[in-house]
Amino acid sequence: MSEPVTIQDIYDLFRTSQQVAEQRSAALDHQLATFAAEAEQRSAAAEQRSAALDHQLATFAAEAEQRSAALDHQLAELAAKAEQRSAEADRRAAEAERRLARIERIAAQANQESARLGERWGQFVENLVEPAVIQLFQERGIGVQETYRRMKSKRPTAPMEIDIFAIDGDVAVAIEVKSRLARRDVEYFLEKLGRFKQSFIHFNDYQLYGAVAGIEIDENVDRYAYQQGLFVIRQRGDAMEIANDATFQPTTW
């Protein structure tokens, strides 16, 4: 038979259970204290890290603000320099426009003076050539009796001006006068002779010859004009002469 359970046995079991519970509670309190200490340490470390991070952020912010201020200053300086340069460029552009306008006025005046001088010089050369024309061509067997200056046709389809025009009966000589005779002048005059009778239709039945005259004649231009069947009138001393030799056969237009 089993022994009966006494009150002492129950008390001893209670005491043992209480001791075990106290030991577990103490162990649990120790663990909690350890966890609390570790948590406090971690919190302190986190606060230190946070403080360090805040310091770094504050440092970065201060540096960024300084750099931004420096950049703003540089941009302000650049903007001021750009504005100065723009103002200077505007001033120079305005000055250039004034100079250009002045040059254009001077050029226009010079062109007008040149045109007037060219016209006076052309008239002077024509005054040298015209008085000699009748005698020169009569000596070549072309009996012209009359001369006309600046003979013009204003026909819309064939406008034209002939410097000197000499005629007699049904024979005429058209003369192009230049202070300096160049090949292009001869070529242009040949083209004019080709359409002369479209401009002056009442001379359609005339026997028309052509002549070029110049105080100065470019090299070989007189020979070119000769080959094209044109008379060449040039200055010789104080007089004018026909340069073509006696064997020359003029072209008839």
C-alpha atoms as a PDB file:
ATOM      1  CA  MET A   1       0.000   0.000   0.000  1.00  0.00           C
ATOM      2  CA  SER A   2       1.148   3.496  -0.743  1.00  0.00           C
ATOM      3  CA  GLU A   3       1.875   5.870   2.047  1.00  0.00           C
ATOM      4  CA  PRO A   4      -0.717   8.537   2.683  1.00  0.00           C
ATOM      5  CA  VAL A   5       0.014  12.146   1.454  1.00  0.00           C
ATOM      6  CA  THR A   6       0.445  14.483   4.321  1.00  0.00           C
ATOM      7  CA  ILE A   7       0.024  18.195   4.622  1.00  0.00           C
ATOM      8  CA  GLN A   8       3.801  18.466   4.976  1.00  0.00           C
ATOM      9  CA  ASP A   9       4.210  16.706   1.686  1.00  0.00           C
ATOM     10  CA  ILE A  10       1.860  19.160   0.017  1.00  0.00           C
ATOM     11  CA  TYR A  11       3.659  22.118   1.650  1.00  0.00           C
ATOM     12  CA  ASP A  12       7.048  20.790   0.574  1.00  0.00           C
ATOM     13  CA  LEU A  13       5.796  20.405  -3.011  1.00  0.00           C
ATOM     14  CA  PHE A  14       4.431  23.923  -2.898  1.00  0.00           C
ATOM     15  CA  ARG A  15       7.736  25.258  -1.594  1.00  0.00           C
ATOM     16  CA  THR A  16       9.637  23.416  -4.263  1.00  0.00           C
ATOM     17  CA  SER A  17       7.322  24.737  -6.971  1.00  0.00           C
ATOM     18  CA  GLN A  18       7.627  28.240  -5.543  1.00  0.00           C
ATOM     19  CA  GLN A  19      11.445  28.030  -5.550  1.00  0.00           C
ATOM     20  CA  VAL A  20      11.431  26.830  -9.145  1.00  0.00           C
ATOM     21  CA  ALA A  21       9.119  29.682 -10.106  1.00  0.00           C
ATOM     22  CA  GLU A  22      11.300  32.201  -8.258  1.00  0.00           C
ATOM     23  CA  GLN A  23      14.391  30.840  -9.986  1.00  0.00           C
ATOM     24  CA  ARG A  24      12.653  31.094 -13.364  1.00  0.00           C
ATOM     25  CA  SER A  25      11.417  34.591 -12.543  1.00  0.00           C
ATOM     26  CA  ALA A  26      14.924  35.619 -11.472  1.00  0.00           C
ATOM     27  CA  ALA A  27      16.354  34.137 -14.654  1.00  0.00           C
ATOM     28  CA  LEU A  28      13.685  35.904 -16.663  1.00  0.00           C
ATOM     29  CA  ASP A  29      14.364  39.182 -14.848  1.00  0.00           C
ATOM     30  CA  HIS A  30      18.072  38.733 -15.573  1.00  0.00           C
ATOM     31  CA  GLN A  31      17.332  38.114 -19.249  1.00  0.00           C
ATOM     32  CA  LEU A  32      15.035  41.111 -19.342  1.00  0.00           C
ATOM     33  CA  ALA A  33      17.670  43.272 -17.652  1.00  0.00           C
ATOM     34  CA  THR A  34      20.243  41.993 -20.130  1.00  0.00           C
ATOM     35  CA  PHE A  35      17.880  42.717 -23.036  1.00  0.00           C
ATOM     36  CA  ALA A  36      17.099  46.146 -21.604  1.00  0.00           C
ATOM     37  CA  ALA A  37      20.801  46.918 -21.222  1.00  0.00           C
ATOM     38  CA  GLU A  38      21.522  45.738 -24.755  1.00  0.00           C
ATOM     39  CA  ALA A  39      18.543  47.699 -26.045  1.00  0.00           C
ATOM     40  CA  GLU A  40      19.772  50.781 -24.207  1.00  0.00           C
ATOM     41  CA  GLN A  41      23.247  50.288 -25.660  1.00  0.00           C
ATOM     42  CA  ARG A  42      21.802  49.835 -29.142  1.00  0.00           C
ATOM     43  CA  SER A  43      19.598  52.882 -28.660  1.00  0.00           C
ATOM     44  CA  ALA A  44      22.597  54.924 -27.523  1.00  0.00           C
ATOM     45  CA  ALA A  45      24.597  53.675 -30.501  1.00  0.00           C
ATOM     46  CA  ALA A  46      21.686  54.510 -32.775  1.00  0.00           C
ATOM     47  CA  GLU A  47      21.455  57.971 -31.258  1.00  0.00           C
ATOM     48  CA  GLN A  48      25.196  58.424 -31.769  1.00  0.00           C
ATOM     49  CA  ARG A  49      24.886  57.282 -35.368  1.00  0.00           C
ATOM     50  CA  SER A  50      21.864  59.509 -35.841  1.00  0.00           C
ATOM     51  CA  ALA A  51      23.753  62.430 -34.326  1.00  0.00           C
ATOM     52  CA  ALA A  52      26.735  61.679 -36.580  1.00  0.00           C
ATOM     53  CA  LEU A  53      24.416  61.424 -39.572  1.00  0.00           C
ATOM     54  CA  ASP A  54      22.713  64.685 -38.595  1.00  0.00           C
ATOM     55  CA  HIS A  55      26.150  66.289 -38.323  1.00  0.00           C
ATOM     56  CA  GLN A  56      27.140  64.963 -41.740  1.00  0.00           C
ATOM     57  CA  LEU A  57      23.863  66.121 -43.209  1.00  0.00           C
ATOM     58  CA  ALA A  58      24.292  69.526 -41.621  1.00  0.00           C
ATOM     59  CA  THR A  59      27.857  69.666 -42.982  1.00  0.00           C
ATOM     60  CA  PHE A  60      26.690  68.618 -46.434  1.00  0.00           C
ATOM     61  CA  ALA A  61      23.860  71.148 -46.288  1.00  0.00           C
ATOM     62  CA  ALA A  62      26.260  73.900 -45.229  1.00  0.00           C
ATOM     63  CA  GLU A  63      28.703  72.941 -48.004  1.00  0.00           C
ATOM     64  CA  ALA A  64      25.862  72.761 -50.531  1.00  0.00           C
ATOM     65  CA  GLU A  65      24.630  76.153 -49.424  1.00  0.00           C
ATOM     66  CA  GLN A  66      28.137  77.572 -49.749  1.00  0.00           C
ATOM     67  CA  ARG A  67      28.548  76.014 -53.183  1.00  0.00           C
ATOM     68  CA  SER A  68      25.107  77.265 -54.223  1.00  0.00           C
ATOM     69  CA  ALA A  69      26.011  80.737 -52.988  1.00  0.00           C
ATOM     70  CA  ALA A  70      29.333  80.571 -54.868  1.00  0.00           C
ATOM     71  CA  LEU A  71      27.549  79.336 -57.984  1.00  0.00           C
ATOM     72  CA  ASP A  72      24.962  82.098 -57.685  1.00  0.00           C
ATOM     73  CA  HIS A  73      27.794  84.597 -57.377  1.00  0.00           C
ATOM     74  CA  GLN A  74      29.537  83.176 -60.457  1.00  0.00           C
ATOM     75  CA  LEU A  75      26.286  83.175 -62.393  1.00  0.00           C
ATOM     76  CA  ALA A  76      25.634  86.759 -61.347  1.00  0.00           C
ATOM     77  CA  GLU A  77      29.152  87.741 -62.481  1.00  0.00           C
ATOM     78  CA  LEU A  78      28.703  85.896 -65.779  1.00  0.00           C
ATOM     79  CA  ALA A  79      25.295  87.523 -66.302  1.00  0.00           C
ATOM     80  CA  ALA A  80      26.797  90.945 -65.589  1.00  0.00           C
ATOM     81  CA  LYS A  81      29.685  90.293 -68.009  1.00  0.00           C
ATOM     82  CA  ALA A  82      27.257  88.970 -70.632  1.00  0.00           C
ATOM     83  CA  GLU A  83      25.110  92.062 -70.221  1.00  0.00           C
ATOM     84  CA  GLN A  84      28.182  94.285 -70.566  1.00  0.00           C
ATOM     85  CA  ARG A  85      29.314  92.390 -73.651  1.00  0.00           C
ATOM     86  CA  SER A  86      25.823  92.568 -75.119  1.00  0.00           C
ATOM     87  CA  ALA A  87      25.716  96.294 -74.515  1.00  0.00           C
ATOM     88  CA  GLU A  88      29.169  96.659 -76.065  1.00  0.00           C
ATOM     89  CA  ALA A  89      28.121  94.513 -79.021  1.00  0.00           C
ATOM     90  CA  ASP A  90      24.998  96.642 -79.479  1.00  0.00           C
ATOM     91  CA  ARG A  91      27.111  99.778 -79.334  1.00  0.00           C
ATOM     92  CA  ARG A  92      29.569  98.398 -81.887  1.00  0.00           C
ATOM     93  CA  ALA A  93      26.728  97.210 -84.121  1.00  0.00           C
ATOM     94  CA  ALA A  94      25.144 100.648 -83.989  1.00  0.00           C
ATOM     95  CA  GLU A  95      28.505 102.242 -84.749  1.00  0.00           C
ATOM     96  CA  ALA A  96      29.046  99.795 -87.618  1.00  0.00           C
ATOM     97  CA  GLU A  97      25.616 100.626 -89.016  1.00  0.00           C
ATOM     98  CA  ARG A  98      26.401 104.338 -88.826  1.00  0.00           C
ATOM     99  CA  ARG A  99      29.738 103.787 -90.567  1.00  0.00           C
ATOM    100  CA  LEU A 100      28.113 101.573 -93.192  1.00  0.00           C
ATOM    101  CA  ALA A 101      25.439 104.185 -93.836  1.00  0.00           C
ATOM    102  CA  ARG A 102      28.152 106.832 -94.157  1.00  0.00           C
ATOM    103  CA  ILE A 103      30.177 104.615 -96.517  1.00  0.00           C
ATOM    104  CA  GLU A 104      27.060 103.933 -98.587  1.00  0.00           C
ATOM    105  CA  ARG A 105      26.384 107.680 -98.827  1.00  0.00           C
ATOM    106  CA  ILE A 106      29.988 108.308 -99.842  1.00  0.00           C
ATOM    107  CA  ALA A 107      29.849 105.431-102.343  1.00  0.00           C
ATOM    108  CA  ALA A 108      26.602 106.744-103.809  1.00  0.00           C
ATOM    109  CA  GLN A 109      28.119 110.211-104.139  1.00  0.00           C
ATOM    110  CA  ALA A 110      31.264 108.697-105.657  1.00  0.00           C
ATOM    111  CA  ASN A 111      29.176 106.685-108.122  1.00  0.00           C
ATOM    112  CA  GLN A 112      27.267 109.793-109.096  1.00  0.00           C
ATOM    113  CA  GLU A 113      30.503 111.733-109.526  1.00  0.00           C
ATOM    114  CA  SER A 114      32.014 108.818-111.452  1.00  0.00           C
ATOM    115  CA  ALA A 115      28.955 108.618-113.685  1.00  0.00           C
ATOM    116  CA  ARG A 116      29.080 112.363-114.333  1.00  0.00           C
ATOM    117  CA  LEU A 117      32.829 112.191-114.945  1.00  0.00           C
ATOM    118  CA  GLY A 118      32.374 109.189-117.245  1.00  0.00           C
ATOM    119  CA  GLU A 119      29.675 111.003-119.161  1.00  0.00           C
ATOM    120  CA  ARG A 120      31.836 114.136-119.482  1.00  0.00           C
ATOM    121  CA  TRP A 121      34.817 112.041-120.529  1.00  0.00           C
ATOM    122  CA  GLY A 122      32.672 110.173-123.051  1.00  0.00           C
ATOM    123  CA  GLN A 123      31.471 113.468-124.464  1.00  0.00           C
ATOM    124  CA  PHE A 124      35.072 114.652-124.632  1.00  0.00           C
ATOM    125  CA  VAL A 125      36.113 111.551-126.610  1.00  0.00           C
ATOM    126  CA  GLU A 126      33.101 111.910-128.897  1.00  0.00           C
ATOM    127  CA  ASN A 127      34.108 115.549-129.453  1.00  0.00           C
ATOM    128  CA  LEU A 128      37.497 114.309-130.632  1.00  0.00           C
ATOM    129  CA  VAL A 129      36.101 111.628-132.912  1.00  0.00           C
ATOM    130  CA  GLU A 130      33.063 113.256-134.518  1.00  0.00           C
ATOM    131  CA  PRO A 131      34.820 116.167-136.307  1.00  0.00           C
ATOM    132  CA  ALA A 132      37.165 113.729-138.016  1.00  0.00           C
ATOM    133  CA  VAL A 133      34.577 111.137-139.060  1.00  0.00           C
ATOM    134  CA  ILE A 134      33.446 112.633-142.377  1.00  0.00           C
ATOM    135  CA  GLN A 135      36.976 113.233-143.658  1.00  0.00           C
ATOM    136  CA  LEU A 136      38.281 109.854-142.428  1.00  0.00           C
ATOM    137  CA  PHE A 137      35.568 107.837-144.192  1.00  0.00           C
ATOM    138  CA  GLN A 138      35.583 109.971-147.316  1.00  0.00           C
ATOM    139  CA  GLU A 139      39.287 109.166-147.610  1.00  0.00           C
ATOM    140  CA  ARG A 140      38.267 105.478-147.512  1.00  0.00           C
ATOM    141  CA  GLY A 141      35.752 105.978-150.301  1.00  0.00           C
ATOM    142  CA  ILE A 142      32.666 106.081-148.076  1.00  0.00           C
ATOM    143  CA  GLY A 143      31.166 109.457-148.863  1.00  0.00           C
ATOM    144  CA  VAL A 144      29.282 110.243-145.668  1.00  0.00           C
ATOM    145  CA  GLN A 145      28.139 113.861-145.371  1.00  0.00           C
ATOM    146  CA  GLU A 146      26.219 114.063-142.081  1.00  0.00           C
ATOM    147  CA  THR A 147      26.891 112.991-138.494  1.00  0.00           C
ATOM    148  CA  TYR A 148      24.552 112.598-135.538  1.00  0.00           C
ATOM    149  CA  ARG A 149      25.408 112.192-131.853  1.00  0.00           C
ATOM    150  CA  ARG A 150      23.657 109.824-129.454  1.00  0.00           C
ATOM    151  CA  MET A 151      21.105 108.542-131.945  1.00  0.00           C
ATOM    152  CA  LYS A 152      18.463 106.676-129.896  1.00  0.00           C
ATOM    153  CA  SER A 153      15.701 104.213-130.528  1.00  0.00           C
ATOM    154  CA  LYS A 154      13.188 103.569-127.763  1.00  0.00           C
ATOM    155  CA  ARG A 155      11.330 100.751-129.440  1.00  0.00           C
ATOM    156  CA  PRO A 156      10.255  98.401-126.601  1.00  0.00           C
ATOM    157  CA  THR A 157      11.486  95.339-128.496  1.00  0.00           C
ATOM    158  CA  ALA A 158      14.860  96.806-129.500  1.00  0.00           C
ATOM    159  CA  PRO A 159      16.032  99.880-127.573  1.00  0.00           C
ATOM    160  CA  MET A 160      19.423 101.135-128.683  1.00  0.00           C
ATOM    161  CA  GLU A 161      21.791 104.111-128.651  1.00  0.00           C
ATOM    162  CA  ILE A 162      24.505 104.783-131.227  1.00  0.00           C
ATOM    163  CA  ASP A 163      27.284 107.140-130.118  1.00  0.00           C
ATOM    164  CA  ILE A 164      27.998 108.624-133.582  1.00  0.00           C
ATOM    165  CA  PHE A 165      26.067 107.928-136.782  1.00  0.00           C
ATOM    166  CA  ALA A 166      27.338 109.105-140.163  1.00  0.00           C
ATOM    167  CA  ILE A 167      25.228 108.882-143.353  1.00  0.00           C
ATOM    168  CA  ASP A 168      25.024 109.856-146.989  1.00  0.00           C
ATOM    169  CA  GLY A 169      22.317 108.592-149.335  1.00  0.00           C
ATOM    170  CA  ASP A 170      21.826 104.924-148.562  1.00  0.00           C
ATOM    171  CA  VAL A 171      25.226 104.469-146.898  1.00  0.00           C
ATOM    172  CA  ALA A 172      25.743 104.769-143.132  1.00  0.00           C
ATOM    173  CA  VAL A 173      28.425 104.112-140.535  1.00  0.00           C
ATOM    174  CA  ALA A 174      27.542 103.363-136.892  1.00  0.00           C
ATOM    175  CA  ILE A 175      30.398 104.199-134.522  1.00  0.00           C
ATOM    176  CA  GLU A 176      30.890 103.014-130.932  1.00  0.00           C
ATOM    177  CA  VAL A 177      33.130 105.372-128.937  1.00  0.00           C
ATOM    178  CA  LYS A 178      35.055 104.375-125.797  1.00  0.00           C
ATOM    179  CA  SER A 179      37.758 106.122-123.828  1.00  0.00           C
ATOM    180  CA  ARG A 180      39.346 102.664-123.435  1.00  0.00           C
ATOM    181  CA  LEU A 181      38.305 100.041-125.930  1.00  0.00           C
ATOM    182  CA  ALA A 182      38.168  96.456-124.646  1.00  0.00           C
ATOM    183  CA  ARG A 183      37.221  93.214-126.374  1.00  0.00           C
ATOM    184  CA  ARG A 184      33.885  93.064-124.523  1.00  0.00           C
ATOM    185  CA  ASP A 185      33.042  96.500-125.984  1.00  0.00           C
ATOM    186  CA  VAL A 186      33.652  95.167-129.489  1.00  0.00           C
ATOM    187  CA  GLU A 187      31.553  92.057-128.815  1.00  0.00           C
ATOM    188  CA  TYR A 188      28.691  94.135-127.430  1.00  0.00           C
ATOM    189  CA  PHE A 189      28.813  96.492-130.417  1.00  0.00           C
ATOM    190  CA  LEU A 190      28.739  93.570-132.857  1.00  0.00           C
ATOM    191  CA  GLU A 191      25.600  92.339-131.110  1.00  0.00           C
ATOM    192  CA  LYS A 192      24.079  95.837-131.439  1.00  0.00           C
ATOM    193  CA  LEU A 193      24.882  95.943-135.146  1.00  0.00           C
ATOM    194  CA  GLY A 194      23.138  92.593-135.549  1.00  0.00           C
ATOM    195  CA  ARG A 195      19.840  94.095-134.369  1.00  0.00           C
ATOM    196  CA  PHE A 196      20.408  97.671-135.578  1.00  0.00           C
ATOM    197  CA  LYS A 197      17.746  97.491-138.289  1.00  0.00           C
ATOM    198  CA  GLN A 198      15.182  96.206-135.752  1.00  0.00           C
ATOM    199  CA  SER A 199      15.797  99.379-133.741  1.00  0.00           C
ATOM    200  CA  PHE A 200      15.984 101.803-136.683  1.00  0.00           C
ATOM    201  CA  ILE A 201      13.665 100.256-139.262  1.00  0.00           C
ATOM    202  CA  HIS A 202      13.800 103.231-141.643  1.00  0.00           C
ATOM    203  CA  PHE A 203      17.472 102.313-142.327  1.00  0.00           C
ATOM    204  CA  ASN A 204      16.555  98.794-143.483  1.00  0.00           C
ATOM    205  CA  ASP A 205      17.623  99.514-147.062  1.00  0.00           C
ATOM    206  CA  TYR A 206      20.888 101.194-146.080  1.00  0.00           C
ATOM    207  CA  GLN A 207      24.338  99.776-146.584  1.00  0.00           C
ATOM    208  CA  LEU A 208      25.530  99.842-142.959  1.00  0.00           C
ATOM    209  CA  TYR A 209      29.145  99.674-141.789  1.00  0.00           C
ATOM    210  CA  GLY A 210      30.461  99.562-138.252  1.00  0.00           C
ATOM    211  CA  ALA A 211      33.393 101.272-136.540  1.00  0.00           C
ATOM    212  CA  VAL A 212      34.849 101.352-133.028  1.00  0.00           C
ATOM    213  CA  ALA A 213      36.876 104.265-131.664  1.00  0.00           C
ATOM    214  CA  GLY A 214      39.036 104.564-128.556  1.00  0.00           C
ATOM    215  CA  ILE A 215      41.682 106.789-127.037  1.00  0.00           C
ATOM    216  CA  GLU A 216      43.221 103.679-125.453  1.00  0.00           C
ATOM    217  CA  ILE A 217      42.830 100.259-127.053  1.00  0.00           C
ATOM    218  CA  ASP A 218      43.585  97.041-125.176  1.00  0.00           C
ATOM    219  CA  GLU A 219      46.170  94.725-126.668  1.00  0.00           C
ATOM    220  CA  ASN A 220      44.988  92.867-129.786  1.00  0.00           C
ATOM    221  CA  VAL A 221      41.507  94.367-129.561  1.00  0.00           C
ATOM    222  CA  ASP A 222      42.104  96.420-132.709  1.00  0.00           C
ATOM    223  CA  ARG A 223      43.083  93.224-134.530  1.00  0.00           C
ATOM    224  CA  TYR A 224      39.972  91.447-133.251  1.00  0.00           C
ATOM    225  CA  ALA A 225      37.731  94.305-134.409  1.00  0.00           C
ATOM    226  CA  TYR A 226      39.524  94.287-137.798  1.00  0.00           C
ATOM    227  CA  GLN A 227      38.841  90.534-138.171  1.00  0.00           C
ATOM    228  CA  GLN A 228      35.148  91.152-137.415  1.00  0.00           C
ATOM    229  CA  GLY A 229      34.944  93.618-140.305  1.00  0.00           C
ATOM    230  CA  LEU A 230      34.896  96.792-138.186  1.00  0.00           C
ATOM    231  CA  PHE A 231      36.779 100.003-138.822  1.00  0.00           C
ATOM    232  CA  VAL A 232      39.079 100.952-135.955  1.00  0.00           C
ATOM    233  CA  ILE A 233      39.499 104.651-135.197  1.00  0.00           C
ATOM    234  CA  ARG A 234      42.361 105.559-132.874  1.00  0.00           C
ATOM    235  CA  GLN A 235      44.224 108.603-131.663  1.00  0.00           C
ATOM    236  CA  ARG A 236      47.475 109.520-133.342  1.00  0.00           C
ATOM    237  CA  GLY A 237      49.082 112.548-131.756  1.00  0.00           C
ATOM    238  CA  ASP A 238      46.480 115.306-131.712  1.00  0.00           C
ATOM    239  CA  ALA A 239      44.443 113.762-134.524  1.00  0.00           C
ATOM    240  CA  MET A 240      42.305 110.677-135.121  1.00  0.00           C
ATOM    241  CA  GLU A 241      42.987 108.060-137.791  1.00  0.00           C
ATOM    242  CA  ILE A 242      41.540 104.855-139.171  1.00  0.00           C
ATOM    243  CA  ALA A 243      43.957 102.057-138.266  1.00  0.00           C
ATOM    244  CA  ASN A 244      42.733  99.569-140.909  1.00  0.00           C
ATOM    245  CA  ASP A 245      45.103  99.018-143.832  1.00  0.00           C
ATOM    246  CA  ALA A 246      44.218  99.634-147.473  1.00  0.00           C
ATOM    247  CA  THR A 247      43.340  95.943-148.083  1.00  0.00           C
ATOM    248  CA  PHE A 248      40.644  95.931-145.399  1.00  0.00           C
ATOM    249  CA  GLN A 249      37.182  94.833-146.534  1.00  0.00           C
ATOM    250  CA  PRO A 250      34.461  96.045-144.117  1.00  0.00           C
ATOM    251  CA  THR A 251      31.491  93.899-143.216  1.00  0.00           C
ATOM    252  CA  THR A 252      28.089  95.174-144.330  1.00  0.00           C
ATOM    253  CA  TRP A 253      25.136  94.836-141.951  1.00  0.00           C
END
